[in-house]
C-alpha atoms as a PDB file:
ATOM      1  CA  MET A   1     -28.854 -22.454  -5.859  1.00  0.00           C
ATOM      2  CA  THR A   2     -30.115 -23.814  -2.564  1.00  0.00           C
ATOM      3  CA  VAL A   3     -27.626 -24.574   0.168  1.00  0.00           C
ATOM      4  CA  VAL A   4     -28.683 -26.865   2.971  1.00  0.00           C
ATOM      5  CA  LEU A   5     -26.683 -26.539   6.161  1.00  0.00           C
ATOM      6  CA  PRO A   6     -26.754 -28.916   9.120  1.00  0.00           C
ATOM      7  CA  LEU A   7     -27.865 -26.131  11.460  1.00  0.00           C
ATOM      8  CA  ASP A   8     -29.300 -28.535  14.029  1.00  0.00           C
ATOM      9  CA  GLN A   9     -25.898 -30.175  14.286  1.00  0.00           C
ATOM     10  CA  MET A  10     -23.856 -26.979  14.470  1.00  0.00           C
ATOM     11  CA  THR A  11     -22.713 -25.395  17.714  1.00  0.00           C
ATOM     12  CA  VAL A  12     -23.515 -21.781  18.526  1.00  0.00           C
ATOM     13  CA  PRO A  13     -19.888 -20.707  17.897  1.00  0.00           C
ATOM     14  CA  GLU A  14     -20.002 -22.432  14.498  1.00  0.00           C
ATOM     15  CA  LYS A  15     -23.246 -20.662  13.609  1.00  0.00           C
ATOM     16  CA  LEU A  16     -21.841 -17.305  14.695  1.00  0.00           C
ATOM     17  CA  GLN A  17     -18.711 -17.902  12.614  1.00  0.00           C
ATOM     18  CA  LEU A  18     -20.896 -18.742   9.628  1.00  0.00           C
ATOM     19  CA  MET A  19     -22.813 -15.482  10.075  1.00  0.00           C
ATOM     20  CA  GLU A  20     -19.544 -13.533  10.289  1.00  0.00           C
ATOM     21  CA  ASP A  21     -18.236 -15.235   7.158  1.00  0.00           C
ATOM     22  CA  LEU A  22     -21.444 -14.446   5.267  1.00  0.00           C
ATOM     23  CA  TRP A  23     -21.396 -10.818   6.378  1.00  0.00           C
ATOM     24  CA  ASP A  24     -17.715 -10.440   5.462  1.00  0.00           C
ATOM     25  CA  ASN A  25     -18.495 -11.771   2.006  1.00  0.00           C
ATOM     26  CA  LEU A  26     -21.591  -9.602   1.536  1.00  0.00           C
ATOM     27  CA  SER A  27     -19.819  -6.459   2.712  1.00  0.00           C
ATOM     28  CA  LYS A  28     -17.192  -6.807  -0.015  1.00  0.00           C
ATOM     29  CA  SER A  29     -19.810  -5.499  -2.474  1.00  0.00           C
ATOM     30  CA  PRO A  30     -21.815  -2.839  -0.627  1.00  0.00           C
ATOM     31  CA  ALA A  31     -23.274  -1.491  -3.866  1.00  0.00           C
ATOM     32  CA  ALA A  32     -25.005  -4.827  -4.385  1.00  0.00           C
ATOM     33  CA  LEU A  33     -26.867  -4.448  -1.070  1.00  0.00           C
ATOM     34  CA  GLU A  34     -29.894  -2.289  -1.697  1.00  0.00           C
ATOM     35  CA  SER A  35     -31.901  -1.068   1.250  1.00  0.00           C
ATOM     36  CA  PRO A  36     -35.660  -1.254   0.908  1.00  0.00           C
ATOM     37  CA  ASP A  37     -37.525   2.038   0.487  1.00  0.00           C
ATOM     38  CA  TRP A  38     -38.968   1.807   3.992  1.00  0.00           C
ATOM     39  CA  HIS A  39     -35.430   2.097   5.454  1.00  0.00           C
ATOM     40  CA  LYS A  40     -35.137   5.614   4.008  1.00  0.00           C
ATOM     41  CA  GLU A  41     -38.589   6.493   5.328  1.00  0.00           C
ATOM     42  CA  VAL A  42     -37.642   5.383   8.861  1.00  0.00           C
ATOM     43  CA  LEU A  43     -34.316   7.223   8.722  1.00  0.00           C
ATOM     44  CA  ASP A  44     -35.992  10.398   7.452  1.00  0.00           C
ATOM     45  CA  GLU A  45     -38.522  10.199  10.295  1.00  0.00           C
ATOM     46  CA  CYS A  46     -35.757   9.723  12.878  1.00  0.00           C
ATOM     47  CA  MET A  47     -33.757  12.626  11.484  1.00  0.00           C
ATOM     48  CA  ALA A  48     -36.828  14.890  11.528  1.00  0.00           C
ATOM     49  CA  LYS A  49     -37.513  13.998  15.170  1.00  0.00           C
ATOM     50  CA  ALA A  50     -33.871  14.633  16.073  1.00  0.00           C
ATOM     51  CA  ALA A  51     -33.881  17.997  14.290  1.00  0.00           C
ATOM     52  CA  SER A  52     -37.086  19.055  16.063  1.00  0.00           C
ATOM     53  CA  GLY A  53     -35.835  17.965  19.481  1.00  0.00           C
ATOM     54  CA  GLN A  54     -38.465  15.226  19.857  1.00  0.00           C
ATOM     55  CA  GLU A  55     -35.832  12.498  20.283  1.00  0.00           C
ATOM     56  CA  LYS A  56     -33.822  11.937  23.448  1.00  0.00           C
ATOM     57  CA  PHE A  57     -30.281  10.651  23.014  1.00  0.00           C
ATOM     58  CA  THR A  58     -28.124   8.855  25.557  1.00  0.00           C
ATOM     59  CA  PRO A  59     -24.331   8.689  25.311  1.00  0.00           C
ATOM     60  CA  TRP A  60     -23.212   5.168  24.392  1.00  0.00           C
ATOM     61  CA  GLU A  61     -21.236   4.601  27.622  1.00  0.00           C
ATOM     62  CA  THR A  62     -24.249   5.662  29.702  1.00  0.00           C
ATOM     63  CA  ALA A  63     -26.548   3.407  27.674  1.00  0.00           C
ATOM     64  CA  LYS A  64     -24.219   0.418  28.157  1.00  0.00           C
ATOM     65  CA  ASP A  65     -24.137   1.038  31.924  1.00  0.00           C
ATOM     66  CA  GLU A  66     -27.937   1.244  32.034  1.00  0.00           C
ATOM     67  CA  ILE A  67     -28.287  -1.986  30.051  1.00  0.00           C
ATOM     68  CA  ARG A  68     -25.809  -3.798  32.297  1.00  0.00           C
ATOM     69  CA  ARG A  69     -27.677  -2.652  35.421  1.00  0.00           C
ATOM     70  CA  SER A  70     -31.025  -3.745  33.989  1.00  0.00           C
ATOM     71  CA  VAL A  71     -29.860  -7.280  33.184  1.00  0.00           C
ATOM     72  CA  SER A  72     -27.825  -7.980  36.307  1.00  0.00           C
END
C-alpha cells in the first residue's frame, strides 16, 4: 500500500505530530522492528572502545550546557 501525504501543504507542527503518531504505532510492536546487522557492529565497537578507555564520556547536563553555549 502506498500512502501519499500532502507534505508540502502540512505545517511543521503537523509533520512532527505525524512522526510522533507513526513512532507510537511502530513502538507498540518492538519485536517487529529488526535492527540491521551493522547496528550491532557499531554498538560492539563502541562498547569495546568504552571498555578499553578509548572513549571519552561527558555527563548529559554538561553536554547540554556545552551545546547551548555553542549555538548561542
